[in-house]
Amino acid sequence: MPSNLPNKVAATEAALELINILVEKHGELMFHQSGGCCDGSSPMCYARGELQLGERDRCLGEIGGQPFYIDRQQYRAWGEAELLIDVVAGRGGMFSLEGSEGVRFHTRSMNATPAGASDT
């Protein structure tokens, strides 16, 4: 991530601990905020380079030293909020690396309510 970009994403201590576990198991990671209707609050976690990024994807910053991306339209739908990544019980997207740990990453808005989304 270029150092001149502001970091628009942060992580809770629980999320940082999980990131460390996943880095130990899988190496460098990358995150992409889901835009799907069912997993809209679940960022997907991949091995770095596993997801091909497009020209519409925007890097919001890093969490635990790992880049975090979101589709530009999805970011606008969130009201260009600063995002806080947390961990909750249960399984997330089937391709997200944390699923085997029995938990999933969860996105919360730190300063705005996403258009049409909730915090649950």
PDB file of N, CA and C in Angstrom:
ATOM      1  N   MET A   1       0.853  -1.179   0.000  1.00  0.00           N
ATOM      2  CA  MET A   1       0.000   0.000   0.000  1.00  0.00           C
ATOM      3  C   MET A   1       0.895   1.237   0.000  1.00  0.00           C
ATOM      4  N   PRO A   2       0.635   2.171  -0.882  1.00  0.00           N
ATOM      5  CA  PRO A   2       1.422   3.398  -0.877  1.00  0.00           C
ATOM      6  C   PRO A   2       1.289   4.125   0.452  1.00  0.00           C
ATOM      7  N   SER A   3       2.390   4.602   0.982  1.00  0.00           N
ATOM      8  CA  SER A   3       2.386   5.228   2.304  1.00  0.00           C
ATOM      9  C   SER A   3       1.631   6.548   2.336  1.00  0.00           C
ATOM     10  N   ASN A   4       1.344   7.142   1.172  1.00  0.00           N
ATOM     11  CA  ASN A   4       0.642   8.425   1.166  1.00  0.00           C
ATOM     12  C   ASN A   4      -0.870   8.275   1.248  1.00  0.00           C
ATOM     13  N   LEU A   5      -1.391   7.035   1.217  1.00  0.00           N
ATOM     14  CA  LEU A   5      -2.828   6.825   1.341  1.00  0.00           C
ATOM     15  C   LEU A   5      -3.214   6.697   2.805  1.00  0.00           C
ATOM     16  N   PRO A   6      -4.317   7.329   3.195  1.00  0.00           N
ATOM     17  CA  PRO A   6      -4.760   7.177   4.581  1.00  0.00           C
ATOM     18  C   PRO A   6      -5.291   5.763   4.805  1.00  0.00           C
ATOM     19  N   ASN A   7      -5.101   5.234   6.006  1.00  0.00           N
ATOM     20  CA  ASN A   7      -5.610   3.912   6.349  1.00  0.00           C
ATOM     21  C   ASN A   7      -7.063   4.072   6.770  1.00  0.00           C
ATOM     22  N   LYS A   8      -7.987   3.501   5.993  1.00  0.00           N
ATOM     23  CA  LYS A   8      -9.424   3.624   6.252  1.00  0.00           C
ATOM     24  C   LYS A   8      -9.986   2.349   6.862  1.00  0.00           C
ATOM     25  N   VAL A   9      -9.112   1.475   7.364  1.00  0.00           N
ATOM     26  CA  VAL A   9      -9.542   0.218   7.953  1.00  0.00           C
ATOM     27  C   VAL A   9      -8.672  -0.060   9.178  1.00  0.00           C
ATOM     28  N   ALA A  10      -9.309  -0.584  10.219  1.00  0.00           N
ATOM     29  CA  ALA A  10      -8.603  -0.945  11.456  1.00  0.00           C
ATOM     30  C   ALA A  10      -9.113  -2.314  11.896  1.00  0.00           C
ATOM     31  N   ALA A  11      -8.435  -2.912  12.853  1.00  0.00           N
ATOM     32  CA  ALA A  11      -8.822  -4.243  13.331  1.00  0.00           C
ATOM     33  C   ALA A  11      -8.811  -4.274  14.849  1.00  0.00           C
ATOM     34  N   THR A  12      -9.728  -5.054  15.400  1.00  0.00           N
ATOM     35  CA  THR A  12      -9.754  -5.264  16.842  1.00  0.00           C
ATOM     36  C   THR A  12      -8.600  -6.180  17.224  1.00  0.00           C
ATOM     37  N   GLU A  13      -8.326  -6.263  18.515  1.00  0.00           N
ATOM     38  CA  GLU A  13      -7.270  -7.156  19.004  1.00  0.00           C
ATOM     39  C   GLU A  13      -7.572  -8.602  18.623  1.00  0.00           C
ATOM     40  N   ALA A  14      -8.834  -9.013  18.712  1.00  0.00           N
ATOM     41  CA  ALA A  14      -9.215 -10.382  18.335  1.00  0.00           C
ATOM     42  C   ALA A  14      -8.929 -10.642  16.859  1.00  0.00           C
ATOM     43  N   ALA A  15      -9.224  -9.678  16.013  1.00  0.00           N
ATOM     44  CA  ALA A  15      -8.956  -9.835  14.583  1.00  0.00           C
ATOM     45  C   ALA A  15      -7.454  -9.914  14.318  1.00  0.00           C
ATOM     46  N   LEU A  16      -6.675  -9.099  15.006  1.00  0.00           N
ATOM     47  CA  LEU A  16      -5.217  -9.133  14.822  1.00  0.00           C
ATOM     48  C   LEU A  16      -4.634 -10.472  15.269  1.00  0.00           C
ATOM     49  N   GLU A  17      -5.151 -11.023  16.351  1.00  0.00           N
ATOM     50  CA  GLU A  17      -4.691 -12.337  16.813  1.00  0.00           C
ATOM     51  C   GLU A  17      -5.010 -13.409  15.775  1.00  0.00           C
ATOM     52  N   LEU A  18      -6.215 -13.367  15.210  1.00  0.00           N
ATOM     53  CA  LEU A  18      -6.602 -14.337  14.195  1.00  0.00           C
ATOM     54  C   LEU A  18      -5.745 -14.175  12.936  1.00  0.00           C
ATOM     55  N   ILE A  19      -5.472 -12.949  12.550  1.00  0.00           N
ATOM     56  CA  ILE A  19      -4.605 -12.703  11.396  1.00  0.00           C
ATOM     57  C   ILE A  19      -3.242 -13.345  11.620  1.00  0.00           C
ATOM     58  N   ASN A  20      -2.679 -13.189  12.816  1.00  0.00           N
ATOM     59  CA  ASN A  20      -1.377 -13.794  13.114  1.00  0.00           C
ATOM     60  C   ASN A  20      -1.419 -15.311  12.973  1.00  0.00           C
ATOM     61  N   ILE A  21      -2.487 -15.934  13.452  1.00  0.00           N
ATOM     62  CA  ILE A  21      -2.649 -17.392  13.332  1.00  0.00           C
ATOM     63  C   ILE A  21      -2.701 -17.788  11.860  1.00  0.00           C
ATOM     64  N   LEU A  22      -3.476 -17.047  11.075  1.00  0.00           N
ATOM     65  CA  LEU A  22      -3.629 -17.379   9.660  1.00  0.00           C
ATOM     66  C   LEU A  22      -2.351 -17.149   8.872  1.00  0.00           C
ATOM     67  N   VAL A  23      -1.593 -16.113   9.218  1.00  0.00           N
ATOM     68  CA  VAL A  23      -0.307 -15.871   8.551  1.00  0.00           C
ATOM     69  C   VAL A  23       0.650 -17.029   8.838  1.00  0.00           C
ATOM     70  N   GLU A  24       0.659 -17.525  10.078  1.00  0.00           N
ATOM     71  CA  GLU A  24       1.504 -18.674  10.423  1.00  0.00           C
ATOM     72  C   GLU A  24       1.150 -19.893   9.570  1.00  0.00           C
ATOM     73  N   LYS A  25      -0.129 -20.105   9.320  1.00  0.00           N
ATOM     74  CA  LYS A  25      -0.594 -21.274   8.570  1.00  0.00           C
ATOM     75  C   LYS A  25      -0.492 -21.111   7.055  1.00  0.00           C
ATOM     76  N   HIS A  26      -0.759 -19.891   6.556  1.00  0.00           N
ATOM     77  CA  HIS A  26      -0.931 -19.700   5.114  1.00  0.00           C
ATOM     78  C   HIS A  26       0.042 -18.720   4.480  1.00  0.00           C
ATOM     79  N   GLY A  27       0.858 -18.054   5.247  1.00  0.00           N
ATOM     80  CA  GLY A  27       1.737 -17.021   4.687  1.00  0.00           C
ATOM     81  C   GLY A  27       1.006 -15.695   4.573  1.00  0.00           C
ATOM     82  N   GLU A  28       1.516 -14.816   3.715  1.00  0.00           N
ATOM     83  CA  GLU A  28       0.923 -13.490   3.566  1.00  0.00           C
ATOM     84  C   GLU A  28      -0.517 -13.595   3.097  1.00  0.00           C
ATOM     85  N   LEU A  29      -1.333 -12.672   3.603  1.00  0.00           N
ATOM     86  CA  LEU A  29      -2.767 -12.672   3.329  1.00  0.00           C
ATOM     87  C   LEU A  29      -3.180 -11.420   2.572  1.00  0.00           C
ATOM     88  N   MET A  30      -4.429 -11.433   2.128  1.00  0.00           N
ATOM     89  CA  MET A  30      -5.082 -10.246   1.594  1.00  0.00           C
ATOM     90  C   MET A  30      -6.562 -10.351   1.949  1.00  0.00           C
ATOM     91  N   PHE A  31      -7.198  -9.220   2.110  1.00  0.00           N
ATOM     92  CA  PHE A  31      -8.625  -9.168   2.436  1.00  0.00           C
ATOM     93  C   PHE A  31      -9.371  -8.441   1.332  1.00  0.00           C
ATOM     94  N   HIS A  32     -10.619  -8.871   1.112  1.00  0.00           N
ATOM     95  CA  HIS A  32     -11.490  -8.160   0.185  1.00  0.00           C
ATOM     96  C   HIS A  32     -12.876  -8.117   0.812  1.00  0.00           C
ATOM     97  N   GLN A  33     -13.420  -6.919   0.933  1.00  0.00           N
ATOM     98  CA  GLN A  33     -14.747  -6.763   1.513  1.00  0.00           C
ATOM     99  C   GLN A  33     -15.793  -7.303   0.568  1.00  0.00           C
ATOM    100  N   SER A  34     -16.570  -8.258   1.048  1.00  0.00           N
ATOM    101  CA  SER A  34     -17.622  -8.863   0.245  1.00  0.00           C
ATOM    102  C   SER A  34     -18.672  -7.831  -0.103  1.00  0.00           C
ATOM    103  N   GLY A  35     -19.225  -7.955  -1.292  1.00  0.00           N
ATOM    104  CA  GLY A  35     -20.311  -7.088  -1.709  1.00  0.00           C
ATOM    105  C   GLY A  35     -21.599  -7.860  -1.879  1.00  0.00           C
ATOM    106  N   GLY A  36     -21.592  -9.139  -1.532  1.00  0.00           N
ATOM    107  CA  GLY A  36     -22.777  -9.971  -1.702  1.00  0.00           C
ATOM    108  C   GLY A  36     -23.867  -9.617  -0.711  1.00  0.00           C
ATOM    109  N   CYS A  37     -25.083  -9.976  -1.059  1.00  0.00           N
ATOM    110  CA  CYS A  37     -26.221  -9.630  -0.200  1.00  0.00           C
ATOM    111  C   CYS A  37     -26.182 -10.379   1.126  1.00  0.00           C
ATOM    112  N   CYS A  38     -25.679 -11.596   1.128  1.00  0.00           N
ATOM    113  CA  CYS A  38     -25.702 -12.401   2.353  1.00  0.00           C
ATOM    114  C   CYS A  38     -24.473 -12.185   3.215  1.00  0.00           C
ATOM    115  N   ASP A  39     -23.336 -11.936   2.592  1.00  0.00           N
ATOM    116  CA  ASP A  39     -22.090 -11.782   3.323  1.00  0.00           C
ATOM    117  C   ASP A  39     -21.589 -10.343   3.281  1.00  0.00           C
ATOM    118  N   GLY A  40     -22.488  -9.381   3.168  1.00  0.00           N
ATOM    119  CA  GLY A  40     -22.088  -7.996   3.016  1.00  0.00           C
ATOM    120  C   GLY A  40     -21.257  -7.457   4.163  1.00  0.00           C
ATOM    121  N   SER A  41     -21.339  -8.063   5.339  1.00  0.00           N
ATOM    122  CA  SER A  41     -20.540  -7.588   6.462  1.00  0.00           C
ATOM    123  C   SER A  41     -19.355  -8.511   6.728  1.00  0.00           C
ATOM    124  N   SER A  42     -19.084  -9.440   5.822  1.00  0.00           N
ATOM    125  CA  SER A  42     -17.993 -10.394   6.009  1.00  0.00           C
ATOM    126  C   SER A  42     -16.886 -10.154   4.997  1.00  0.00           C
ATOM    127  N   PRO A  43     -15.751  -9.646   5.442  1.00  0.00           N
ATOM    128  CA  PRO A  43     -14.630  -9.553   4.513  1.00  0.00           C
ATOM    129  C   PRO A  43     -14.080 -10.949   4.262  1.00  0.00           C
ATOM    130  N   MET A  44     -13.636 -11.185   3.068  1.00  0.00           N
ATOM    131  CA  MET A  44     -13.056 -12.471   2.709  1.00  0.00           C
ATOM    132  C   MET A  44     -11.548 -12.385   2.884  1.00  0.00           C
ATOM    133  N   CYS A  45     -10.972 -13.443   3.444  1.00  0.00           N
ATOM    134  CA  CYS A  45      -9.541 -13.520   3.686  1.00  0.00           C
ATOM    135  C   CYS A  45      -8.948 -14.593   2.778  1.00  0.00           C
ATOM    136  N   TYR A  46      -7.944 -14.216   1.998  1.00  0.00           N
ATOM    137  CA  TYR A  46      -7.313 -15.121   1.043  1.00  0.00           C
ATOM    138  C   TYR A  46      -5.802 -15.133   1.264  1.00  0.00           C
ATOM    139  N   ALA A  47      -5.165 -16.184   0.746  1.00  0.00           N
ATOM    140  CA  ALA A  47      -3.704 -16.150   0.643  1.00  0.00           C
ATOM    141  C   ALA A  47      -3.377 -15.023  -0.339  1.00  0.00           C
ATOM    142  N   ARG A  48      -2.317 -14.279  -0.051  1.00  0.00           N
ATOM    143  CA  ARG A  48      -1.955 -13.136  -0.898  1.00  0.00           C
ATOM    144  C   ARG A  48      -1.819 -13.579  -2.350  1.00  0.00           C
ATOM    145  N   GLY A  49      -2.483 -12.858  -3.239  1.00  0.00           N
ATOM    146  CA  GLY A  49      -2.424 -13.142  -4.660  1.00  0.00           C
ATOM    147  C   GLY A  49      -3.461 -14.147  -5.138  1.00  0.00           C
ATOM    148  N   GLU A  50      -4.191 -14.777  -4.229  1.00  0.00           N
ATOM    149  CA  GLU A  50      -5.182 -15.778  -4.613  1.00  0.00           C
ATOM    150  C   GLU A  50      -6.388 -15.163  -5.304  1.00  0.00           C
ATOM    151  N   LEU A  51      -6.738 -13.945  -4.946  1.00  0.00           N
ATOM    152  CA  LEU A  51      -7.858 -13.243  -5.567  1.00  0.00           C
ATOM    153  C   LEU A  51      -7.303 -12.247  -6.576  1.00  0.00           C
ATOM    154  N   GLN A  52      -7.786 -12.327  -7.791  1.00  0.00           N
ATOM    155  CA  GLN A  52      -7.357 -11.380  -8.808  1.00  0.00           C
ATOM    156  C   GLN A  52      -8.132 -10.082  -8.621  1.00  0.00           C
ATOM    157  N   LEU A  53      -7.420  -9.006  -8.424  1.00  0.00           N
ATOM    158  CA  LEU A  53      -8.042  -7.707  -8.224  1.00  0.00           C
ATOM    159  C   LEU A  53      -8.296  -7.041  -9.564  1.00  0.00           C
ATOM    160  N   GLY A  54      -9.339  -6.216  -9.601  1.00  0.00           N
ATOM    161  CA  GLY A  54      -9.676  -5.490 -10.816  1.00  0.00           C
ATOM    162  C   GLY A  54      -9.422  -4.004 -10.652  1.00  0.00           C
ATOM    163  N   GLU A  55      -9.627  -3.288 -11.721  1.00  0.00           N
ATOM    164  CA  GLU A  55      -9.382  -1.844 -11.694  1.00  0.00           C
ATOM    165  C   GLU A  55     -10.385  -1.116 -10.798  1.00  0.00           C
ATOM    166  N   ARG A  56     -11.510  -1.765 -10.454  1.00  0.00           N
ATOM    167  CA  ARG A  56     -12.508  -1.143  -9.574  1.00  0.00           C
ATOM    168  C   ARG A  56     -12.203  -1.361  -8.095  1.00  0.00           C
ATOM    169  N   ASP A  57     -11.227  -2.213  -7.792  1.00  0.00           N
ATOM    170  CA  ASP A  57     -10.894  -2.473  -6.395  1.00  0.00           C
ATOM    171  C   ASP A  57      -9.996  -1.376  -5.846  1.00  0.00           C
ATOM    172  N   ARG A  58     -10.254  -1.019  -4.612  1.00  0.00           N
ATOM    173  CA  ARG A  58      -9.511   0.052  -3.946  1.00  0.00           C
ATOM    174  C   ARG A  58      -8.890  -0.504  -2.670  1.00  0.00           C
ATOM    175  N   CYS A  59      -7.633  -0.198  -2.442  1.00  0.00           N
ATOM    176  CA  CYS A  59      -6.974  -0.599  -1.195  1.00  0.00           C
ATOM    177  C   CYS A  59      -7.309   0.437  -0.135  1.00  0.00           C
ATOM    178  N   LEU A  60      -7.950  -0.021   0.955  1.00  0.00           N
ATOM    179  CA  LEU A  60      -8.312   0.889   2.050  1.00  0.00           C
ATOM    180  C   LEU A  60      -7.193   1.045   3.065  1.00  0.00           C
ATOM    181  N   GLY A  61      -6.247   0.128   3.041  1.00  0.00           N
ATOM    182  CA  GLY A  61      -5.163   0.163   4.014  1.00  0.00           C
ATOM    183  C   GLY A  61      -4.733  -1.246   4.351  1.00  0.00           C
ATOM    184  N   GLU A  62      -4.203  -1.398   5.543  1.00  0.00           N
ATOM    185  CA  GLU A  62      -3.724  -2.696   6.003  1.00  0.00           C
ATOM    186  C   GLU A  62      -4.235  -2.981   7.398  1.00  0.00           C
ATOM    187  N   ILE A  63      -4.453  -4.264   7.666  1.00  0.00           N
ATOM    188  CA  ILE A  63      -4.726  -4.724   9.029  1.00  0.00           C
ATOM    189  C   ILE A  63      -3.752  -5.857   9.310  1.00  0.00           C
ATOM    190  N   GLY A  64      -3.061  -5.759  10.413  1.00  0.00           N
ATOM    191  CA  GLY A  64      -2.063  -6.768  10.744  1.00  0.00           C
ATOM    192  C   GLY A  64      -1.003  -6.919   9.670  1.00  0.00           C
ATOM    193  N   GLY A  65      -0.708  -5.851   8.952  1.00  0.00           N
ATOM    194  CA  GLY A  65       0.288  -5.886   7.892  1.00  0.00           C
ATOM    195  C   GLY A  65      -0.202  -6.501   6.595  1.00  0.00           C
ATOM    196  N   GLN A  66      -1.497  -6.775   6.488  1.00  0.00           N
ATOM    197  CA  GLN A  66      -2.073  -7.413   5.308  1.00  0.00           C
ATOM    198  C   GLN A  66      -3.007  -6.432   4.604  1.00  0.00           C
ATOM    199  N   PRO A  67      -2.928  -6.310   3.270  1.00  0.00           N
ATOM    200  CA  PRO A  67      -3.745  -5.327   2.550  1.00  0.00           C
ATOM    201  C   PRO A  67      -5.236  -5.679   2.569  1.00  0.00           C
ATOM    202  N   PHE A  68      -6.046  -4.632   2.596  1.00  0.00           N
ATOM    203  CA  PHE A  68      -7.502  -4.768   2.648  1.00  0.00           C
ATOM    204  C   PHE A  68      -8.098  -3.993   1.486  1.00  0.00           C
ATOM    205  N   TYR A  69      -8.851  -4.692   0.636  1.00  0.00           N
ATOM    206  CA  TYR A  69      -9.433  -4.110  -0.570  1.00  0.00           C
ATOM    207  C   TYR A  69     -10.953  -4.119  -0.508  1.00  0.00           C
ATOM    208  N   ILE A  70     -11.544  -3.222  -1.285  1.00  0.00           N
ATOM    209  CA  ILE A  70     -12.998  -3.167  -1.420  1.00  0.00           C
ATOM    210  C   ILE A  70     -13.311  -2.624  -2.818  1.00  0.00           C
ATOM    211  N   ASP A  71     -14.400  -3.077  -3.404  1.00  0.00           N
ATOM    212  CA  ASP A  71     -14.860  -2.534  -4.670  1.00  0.00           C
ATOM    213  C   ASP A  71     -15.272  -1.075  -4.443  1.00  0.00           C
ATOM    214  N   ARG A  72     -14.929  -0.202  -5.368  1.00  0.00           N
ATOM    215  CA  ARG A  72     -15.224   1.232  -5.197  1.00  0.00           C
ATOM    216  C   ARG A  72     -16.707   1.501  -4.984  1.00  0.00           C
ATOM    217  N   GLN A  73     -17.573   0.799  -5.722  1.00  0.00           N
ATOM    218  CA  GLN A  73     -19.014   1.018  -5.542  1.00  0.00           C
ATOM    219  C   GLN A  73     -19.467   0.541  -4.162  1.00  0.00           C
ATOM    220  N   GLN A  74     -18.930  -0.565  -3.711  1.00  0.00           N
ATOM    221  CA  GLN A  74     -19.268  -1.066  -2.381  1.00  0.00           C
ATOM    222  C   GLN A  74     -18.824  -0.054  -1.320  1.00  0.00           C
ATOM    223  N   TYR A  75     -17.658   0.523  -1.501  1.00  0.00           N
ATOM    224  CA  TYR A  75     -17.152   1.518  -0.551  1.00  0.00           C
ATOM    225  C   TYR A  75     -18.073   2.733  -0.498  1.00  0.00           C
ATOM    226  N   ARG A  76     -18.539   3.168  -1.649  1.00  0.00           N
ATOM    227  CA  ARG A  76     -19.479   4.302  -1.677  1.00  0.00           C
ATOM    228  C   ARG A  76     -20.782   3.927  -0.979  1.00  0.00           C
ATOM    229  N   ALA A  77     -21.227   2.668  -1.151  1.00  0.00           N
ATOM    230  CA  ALA A  77     -22.456   2.214  -0.489  1.00  0.00           C
ATOM    231  C   ALA A  77     -22.301   2.226   1.030  1.00  0.00           C
ATOM    232  N   TRP A  78     -21.088   2.017   1.520  1.00  0.00           N
ATOM    233  CA  TRP A  78     -20.821   2.066   2.961  1.00  0.00           C
ATOM    234  C   TRP A  78     -20.697   3.511   3.443  1.00  0.00           C
ATOM    235  N   GLY A  79     -20.869   4.459   2.553  1.00  0.00           N
ATOM    236  CA  GLY A  79     -20.778   5.860   2.947  1.00  0.00           C
ATOM    237  C   GLY A  79     -19.346   6.312   3.138  1.00  0.00           C
ATOM    238  N   GLU A  80     -18.402   5.649   2.468  1.00  0.00           N
ATOM    239  CA  GLU A  80     -16.972   5.949   2.579  1.00  0.00           C
ATOM    240  C   GLU A  80     -16.525   5.980   4.035  1.00  0.00           C
ATOM    241  N   ALA A  81     -17.068   5.074   4.807  1.00  0.00           N
ATOM    242  CA  ALA A  81     -16.763   4.991   6.233  1.00  0.00           C
ATOM    243  C   ALA A  81     -15.383   4.398   6.485  1.00  0.00           C
ATOM    244  N   GLU A  82     -14.884   4.628   7.676  1.00  0.00           N
ATOM    245  CA  GLU A  82     -13.725   3.888   8.146  1.00  0.00           C
ATOM    246  C   GLU A  82     -14.263   2.570   8.678  1.00  0.00           C
ATOM    247  N   LEU A  83     -13.627   1.468   8.298  1.00  0.00           N
ATOM    248  CA  LEU A  83     -14.121   0.148   8.662  1.00  0.00           C
ATOM    249  C   LEU A  83     -13.312  -0.445   9.805  1.00  0.00           C
ATOM    250  N   LEU A  84     -14.009  -1.138  10.702  1.00  0.00           N
ATOM    251  CA  LEU A  84     -13.378  -1.845  11.804  1.00  0.00           C
ATOM    252  C   LEU A  84     -13.641  -3.335  11.603  1.00  0.00           C
ATOM    253  N   ILE A  85     -12.583  -4.115  11.529  1.00  0.00           N
ATOM    254  CA  ILE A  85     -12.696  -5.549  11.309  1.00  0.00           C
ATOM    255  C   ILE A  85     -12.595  -6.252  12.652  1.00  0.00           C
ATOM    256  N   ASP A  86     -13.587  -7.084  12.928  1.00  0.00           N
ATOM    257  CA  ASP A  86     -13.673  -7.813  14.186  1.00  0.00           C
ATOM    258  C   ASP A  86     -13.804  -9.301  13.870  1.00  0.00           C
ATOM    259  N   VAL A  87     -13.949 -10.121  14.897  1.00  0.00           N
ATOM    260  CA  VAL A  87     -14.140 -11.562  14.760  1.00  0.00           C
ATOM    261  C   VAL A  87     -15.399 -11.940  15.530  1.00  0.00           C
ATOM    262  N   VAL A  88     -16.238 -12.766  14.903  1.00  0.00           N
ATOM    263  CA  VAL A  88     -17.439 -13.271  15.556  1.00  0.00           C
ATOM    264  C   VAL A  88     -17.503 -14.785  15.355  1.00  0.00           C
ATOM    265  N   ALA A  89     -18.267 -15.448  16.204  1.00  0.00           N
ATOM    266  CA  ALA A  89     -18.420 -16.902  16.101  1.00  0.00           C
ATOM    267  C   ALA A  89     -19.198 -17.261  14.845  1.00  0.00           C
ATOM    268  N   GLY A  90     -18.926 -18.429  14.305  1.00  0.00           N
ATOM    269  CA  GLY A  90     -19.647 -18.928  13.139  1.00  0.00           C
ATOM    270  C   GLY A  90     -18.797 -18.918  11.897  1.00  0.00           C
ATOM    271  N   ARG A  91     -19.296 -19.577  10.879  1.00  0.00           N
ATOM    272  CA  ARG A  91     -18.562 -19.677   9.619  1.00  0.00           C
ATOM    273  C   ARG A  91     -18.951 -18.551   8.679  1.00  0.00           C
ATOM    274  N   GLY A  92     -17.967 -18.039   7.975  1.00  0.00           N
ATOM    275  CA  GLY A  92     -18.202 -17.004   6.981  1.00  0.00           C
ATOM    276  C   GLY A  92     -18.264 -17.607   5.599  1.00  0.00           C
ATOM    277  N   GLY A  93     -17.742 -16.888   4.621  1.00  0.00           N
ATOM    278  CA  GLY A  93     -17.722 -17.378   3.248  1.00  0.00           C
ATOM    279  C   GLY A  93     -16.885 -18.635   3.121  1.00  0.00           C
ATOM    280  N   MET A  94     -17.306 -19.542   2.269  1.00  0.00           N
ATOM    281  CA  MET A  94     -16.649 -20.845   2.194  1.00  0.00           C
ATOM    282  C   MET A  94     -15.210 -20.774   1.695  1.00  0.00           C
ATOM    283  N   PHE A  95     -14.827 -19.703   1.025  1.00  0.00           N
ATOM    284  CA  PHE A  95     -13.462 -19.595   0.520  1.00  0.00           C
ATOM    285  C   PHE A  95     -12.575 -18.744   1.419  1.00  0.00           C
ATOM    286  N   SER A  96     -13.112 -18.207   2.486  1.00  0.00           N
ATOM    287  CA  SER A  96     -12.341 -17.364   3.382  1.00  0.00           C
ATOM    288  C   SER A  96     -11.545 -18.240   4.347  1.00  0.00           C
ATOM    289  N   LEU A  97     -10.271 -17.942   4.518  1.00  0.00           N
ATOM    290  CA  LEU A  97      -9.350 -18.814   5.249  1.00  0.00           C
ATOM    291  C   LEU A  97      -9.689 -19.024   6.712  1.00  0.00           C
ATOM    292  N   GLU A  98     -10.389 -18.103   7.348  1.00  0.00           N
ATOM    293  CA  GLU A  98     -10.649 -18.246   8.786  1.00  0.00           C
ATOM    294  C   GLU A  98     -11.739 -19.262   9.095  1.00  0.00           C
ATOM    295  N   GLY A  99     -12.466 -19.737   8.093  1.00  0.00           N
ATOM    296  CA  GLY A  99     -13.574 -20.672   8.307  1.00  0.00           C
ATOM    297  C   GLY A  99     -13.178 -21.907   9.089  1.00  0.00           C
ATOM    298  N   SER A 100     -11.988 -22.412   8.878  1.00  0.00           N
ATOM    299  CA  SER A 100     -11.543 -23.616   9.579  1.00  0.00           C
ATOM    300  C   SER A 100     -11.300 -23.370  11.067  1.00  0.00           C
ATOM    301  N   GLU A 101     -11.285 -22.124  11.468  1.00  0.00           N
ATOM    302  CA  GLU A 101     -11.059 -21.775  12.872  1.00  0.00           C
ATOM    303  C   GLU A 101     -12.364 -21.671  13.659  1.00  0.00           C
ATOM    304  N   GLY A 102     -13.515 -21.824  12.977  1.00  0.00           N
ATOM    305  CA  GLY A 102     -14.815 -21.758  13.644  1.00  0.00           C
ATOM    306  C   GLY A 102     -15.294 -20.347  13.922  1.00  0.00           C
ATOM    307  N   VAL A 103     -14.651 -19.371  13.312  1.00  0.00           N
ATOM    308  CA  VAL A 103     -15.023 -17.963  13.468  1.00  0.00           C
ATOM    309  C   VAL A 103     -15.006 -17.311  12.094  1.00  0.00           C
ATOM    310  N   ARG A 104     -15.478 -16.074  12.044  1.00  0.00           N
ATOM    311  CA  ARG A 104     -15.400 -15.324  10.791  1.00  0.00           C
ATOM    312  C   ARG A 104     -15.079 -13.871  11.099  1.00  0.00           C
ATOM    313  N   PHE A 105     -14.447 -13.234  10.138  1.00  0.00           N
ATOM    314  CA  PHE A 105     -14.218 -11.801  10.252  1.00  0.00           C
ATOM    315  C   PHE A 105     -15.546 -11.090  10.011  1.00  0.00           C
ATOM    316  N   HIS A 106     -15.714  -9.937  10.648  1.00  0.00           N
ATOM    317  CA  HIS A 106     -16.950  -9.166  10.537  1.00  0.00           C
ATOM    318  C   HIS A 106     -16.587  -7.688  10.443  1.00  0.00           C
ATOM    319  N   THR A 107     -17.230  -6.992   9.519  1.00  0.00           N
ATOM    320  CA  THR A 107     -16.944  -5.571   9.308  1.00  0.00           C
ATOM    321  C   THR A 107     -17.984  -4.707  10.000  1.00  0.00           C
ATOM    322  N   ARG A 108     -17.485  -3.713  10.693  1.00  0.00           N
ATOM    323  CA  ARG A 108     -18.342  -2.711  11.320  1.00  0.00           C
ATOM    324  C   ARG A 108     -17.892  -1.339  10.815  1.00  0.00           C
ATOM    325  N   SER A 109     -18.838  -0.451  10.703  1.00  0.00           N
ATOM    326  CA  SER A 109     -18.523   0.913  10.308  1.00  0.00           C
ATOM    327  C   SER A 109     -18.157   1.703  11.555  1.00  0.00           C
ATOM    328  N   MET A 110     -17.046   2.438  11.498  1.00  0.00           N
ATOM    329  CA  MET A 110     -16.617   3.219  12.665  1.00  0.00           C
ATOM    330  C   MET A 110     -17.255   4.594  12.704  1.00  0.00           C
ATOM    331  N   ASN A 111     -17.748   5.096  11.559  1.00  0.00           N
ATOM    332  CA  ASN A 111     -18.223   6.474  11.585  1.00  0.00           C
ATOM    333  C   ASN A 111     -19.399   6.748  10.656  1.00  0.00           C
ATOM    334  N   ALA A 112     -20.046   5.727  10.156  1.00  0.00           N
ATOM    335  CA  ALA A 112     -21.203   5.946   9.298  1.00  0.00           C
ATOM    336  C   ALA A 112     -22.015   4.656   9.227  1.00  0.00           C
ATOM    337  N   THR A 113     -23.271   4.771   8.892  1.00  0.00           N
ATOM    338  CA  THR A 113     -24.118   3.609   8.704  1.00  0.00           C
ATOM    339  C   THR A 113     -24.166   3.290   7.220  1.00  0.00           C
ATOM    340  N   PRO A 114     -23.761   2.091   6.823  1.00  0.00           N
ATOM    341  CA  PRO A 114     -23.796   1.739   5.405  1.00  0.00           C
ATOM    342  C   PRO A 114     -25.208   1.849   4.854  1.00  0.00           C
ATOM    343  N   ALA A 115     -25.314   2.307   3.633  1.00  0.00           N
ATOM    344  CA  ALA A 115     -26.615   2.410   2.983  1.00  0.00           C
ATOM    345  C   ALA A 115     -27.203   1.021   2.803  1.00  0.00           C
ATOM    346  N   GLY A 116     -28.325   0.754   3.442  1.00  0.00           N
ATOM    347  CA  GLY A 116     -29.002  -0.516   3.308  1.00  0.00           C
ATOM    348  C   GLY A 116     -28.374  -1.658   4.078  1.00  0.00           C
ATOM    349  N   ALA A 117     -27.399  -1.369   4.940  1.00  0.00           N
ATOM    350  CA  ALA A 117     -26.749  -2.442   5.703  1.00  0.00           C
ATOM    351  C   ALA A 117     -26.981  -2.235   7.180  1.00  0.00           C
ATOM    352  N   SER A 118     -26.791  -3.300   7.937  1.00  0.00           N
ATOM    353  CA  SER A 118     -26.910  -3.190   9.385  1.00  0.00           C
ATOM    354  C   SER A 118     -25.635  -3.679  10.030  1.00  0.00           C
ATOM    355  N   ASP A 119     -25.525  -3.527  11.318  1.00  0.00           N
ATOM    356  CA  ASP A 119     -24.332  -3.897  12.070  1.00  0.00           C
ATOM    357  C   ASP A 119     -24.453  -5.291  12.656  1.00  0.00           C
ATOM    358  N   THR A 120     -25.366  -6.103  12.168  1.00  0.00           N
ATOM    359  CA  THR A 120     -25.532  -7.447  12.690  1.00  0.00           C
ATOM    360  C   THR A 120     -25.149  -8.489  11.685  1.00  0.00           C
TER     361      THR A 120
END
